[in-house]
Amino acid sequence: MADTPRPKAEAETAKRARNSAKTKASILAAARVEFADRGFEGARVDAIAERAGANKRLLYHYFGNKEELYRAVLLDAYQEIRAGERALSLDQYDPVQAMDRLV
């Protein structure tokens, strides 16, 4: 018969998940700054990991490689832009007014 998880084990799993999400967010934020400052070619994974307070192994674990990290940064930025657009509720305006508000 399999052991059922104990409350302490469940708490540890939840804590690791929170730390994982926090680490990923830190890496994404650090990568965004590094890519913005230095571009894709000039950005260094070492610098991103250091800025994020993480090690390179975790960065590669979460994102695979520099290119995938760059894609994740772009996707994250795009999602922020789209969320901002949705918050404007442009559907209530005629097209010209909507463009004025968007720009």
Foldseek 3Di string as FASTA:
>chain_A
DDDDDDPVNVVVVVVVVVVLVLLLVLLLVLLLVQCVVQNLVGRDLCSSCVSSVHDSVSVCVVQVDSVSSVVVSVVVVVVVLVVVLVVVVLVVDDPVVSVVVSD
